[in-house]
C-alpha atoms as a PDB file:
ATOM      1  CA  MET A   1      21.080 -30.865 -71.274  1.00  0.00           C
ATOM      2  CA  ASN A   2      22.739 -27.601 -72.217  1.00  0.00           C
ATOM      3  CA  THR A   3      20.141 -24.932 -72.979  1.00  0.00           C
ATOM      4  CA  PRO A   4      21.208 -21.322 -73.505  1.00  0.00           C
ATOM      5  CA  LEU A   5      18.928 -18.840 -71.725  1.00  0.00           C
ATOM      6  CA  LYS A   6      18.561 -15.211 -72.725  1.00  0.00           C
ATOM      7  CA  ILE A   7      18.273 -12.404 -70.185  1.00  0.00           C
ATOM      8  CA  THR A   8      15.634  -9.863 -71.135  1.00  0.00           C
ATOM      9  CA  LYS A   9      14.304  -6.669 -69.576  1.00  0.00           C
ATOM     10  CA  VAL A  10      10.883  -6.713 -67.887  1.00  0.00           C
ATOM     11  CA  GLY A  11      10.009  -3.282 -66.540  1.00  0.00           C
ATOM     12  CA  ASN A  12      12.902  -2.235 -64.291  1.00  0.00           C
ATOM     13  CA  SER A  13      13.983  -5.838 -63.731  1.00  0.00           C
ATOM     14  CA  ALA A  14      15.779  -8.556 -65.654  1.00  0.00           C
ATOM     15  CA  ALA A  15      14.153 -11.894 -66.496  1.00  0.00           C
ATOM     16  CA  VAL A  16      15.185 -15.212 -67.979  1.00  0.00           C
ATOM     17  CA  ILE A  17      12.848 -16.931 -70.425  1.00  0.00           C
ATOM     18  CA  LEU A  18      12.569 -20.664 -69.713  1.00  0.00           C
ATOM     19  CA  PRO A  19      11.571 -22.820 -72.687  1.00  0.00           C
ATOM     20  CA  LYS A  20       8.634 -25.193 -72.241  1.00  0.00           C
ATOM     21  CA  GLU A  21      10.944 -28.229 -72.408  1.00  0.00           C
ATOM     22  CA  LEU A  22      12.899 -26.927 -69.411  1.00  0.00           C
ATOM     23  CA  LEU A  23       9.677 -26.167 -67.517  1.00  0.00           C
ATOM     24  CA  ALA A  24       8.546 -29.740 -68.176  1.00  0.00           C
ATOM     25  CA  ARG A  25      11.841 -31.169 -66.889  1.00  0.00           C
ATOM     26  CA  LEU A  26      11.571 -29.041 -63.746  1.00  0.00           C
ATOM     27  CA  ARG A  27       7.885 -30.031 -63.442  1.00  0.00           C
ATOM     28  CA  VAL A  28       6.808 -26.415 -62.914  1.00  0.00           C
ATOM     29  CA  ALA A  29       4.273 -24.067 -64.452  1.00  0.00           C
ATOM     30  CA  LEU A  30       3.491 -20.362 -64.395  1.00  0.00           C
ATOM     31  CA  GLY A  31       3.230 -19.089 -60.830  1.00  0.00           C
ATOM     32  CA  ASP A  32       5.420 -21.825 -59.293  1.00  0.00           C
ATOM     33  CA  THR A  33       8.546 -20.935 -57.338  1.00  0.00           C
ATOM     34  CA  LEU A  34      12.062 -21.961 -58.344  1.00  0.00           C
ATOM     35  CA  TYR A  35      15.072 -21.973 -56.004  1.00  0.00           C
ATOM     36  CA  ALA A  36      18.598 -21.058 -57.068  1.00  0.00           C
ATOM     37  CA  THR A  37      21.307 -22.470 -54.790  1.00  0.00           C
ATOM     38  CA  GLU A  38      25.061 -22.312 -55.075  1.00  0.00           C
ATOM     39  CA  SER A  39      26.883 -25.547 -55.756  1.00  0.00           C
ATOM     40  CA  PRO A  40      30.586 -26.265 -56.239  1.00  0.00           C
ATOM     41  CA  ASP A  41      30.199 -26.144 -60.017  1.00  0.00           C
ATOM     42  CA  GLY A  42      27.937 -23.068 -60.273  1.00  0.00           C
ATOM     43  CA  LEU A  43      24.240 -22.514 -59.581  1.00  0.00           C
ATOM     44  CA  ARG A  44      21.550 -25.156 -59.257  1.00  0.00           C
ATOM     45  CA  LEU A  45      17.952 -24.383 -60.222  1.00  0.00           C
ATOM     46  CA  THR A  46      15.352 -26.599 -58.533  1.00  0.00           C
ATOM     47  CA  ALA A  47      11.630 -26.613 -57.878  1.00  0.00           C
ATOM     48  CA  SER A  48      12.058 -27.927 -54.330  1.00  0.00           C
ATOM     49  CA  ASN A  49      13.100 -25.795 -51.393  1.00  0.00           C
ATOM     50  CA  PRO A  50      16.462 -27.153 -50.142  1.00  0.00           C
ATOM     51  CA  ASP A  51      15.948 -25.582 -46.687  1.00  0.00           C
ATOM     52  CA  PHE A  52      12.625 -27.403 -46.293  1.00  0.00           C
ATOM     53  CA  ALA A  53      14.206 -30.700 -47.378  1.00  0.00           C
ATOM     54  CA  ALA A  54      16.960 -30.316 -44.773  1.00  0.00           C
ATOM     55  CA  LYS A  55      14.414 -29.552 -42.030  1.00  0.00           C
ATOM     56  CA  MET A  56      12.329 -32.582 -43.021  1.00  0.00           C
ATOM     57  CA  ALA A  57      15.408 -34.824 -42.846  1.00  0.00           C
ATOM     58  CA  ILE A  58      16.059 -33.612 -39.279  1.00  0.00           C
ATOM     59  CA  ALA A  59      12.391 -34.159 -38.342  1.00  0.00           C
ATOM     60  CA  GLU A  60      12.440 -37.702 -39.754  1.00  0.00           C
ATOM     61  CA  GLU A  61      15.571 -38.521 -37.759  1.00  0.00           C
ATOM     62  CA  ILE A  62      13.963 -37.238 -34.554  1.00  0.00           C
ATOM     63  CA  MET A  63      10.806 -39.264 -35.269  1.00  0.00           C
ATOM     64  CA  ARG A  64      12.907 -42.415 -35.786  1.00  0.00           C
ATOM     65  CA  GLU A  65      14.858 -41.879 -32.562  1.00  0.00           C
ATOM     66  CA  ASP A  66      11.801 -41.037 -30.445  1.00  0.00           C
ATOM     67  CA  ARG A  67       9.280 -43.387 -32.071  1.00  0.00           C
ATOM     68  CA  ASP A  68       8.145 -44.916 -28.763  1.00  0.00           C
ATOM     69  CA  ILE A  69       7.631 -41.537 -27.079  1.00  0.00           C
ATOM     70  CA  LEU A  70       5.694 -40.194 -30.066  1.00  0.00           C
ATOM     71  CA  ARG A  71       3.480 -43.311 -30.112  1.00  0.00           C
ATOM     72  CA  VAL A  72       2.541 -42.766 -26.448  1.00  0.00           C
ATOM     73  CA  LEU A  73       1.857 -39.077 -27.026  1.00  0.00           C
ATOM     74  CA  ALA A  74      -0.384 -39.857 -30.012  1.00  0.00           C
ATOM     75  CA  LYS A  75      -2.841 -41.776 -27.797  1.00  0.00           C
END
């Protein structure tokens, strides 16, 4: 998908208008947060927080390694 986006002025700021097709592909609506992260080929726009995903991956690894300890603590 290659969709040109136009930068427009909103008050003292700049804004990009996202067409409804792009909003549907991102699965976002008005008021949601988008995250722009740098990638080797430019910028990536996602609806999920990459920092949160990385922290969850670490937490899942810890839970796998310490499953027996966590089971005892849950009692």
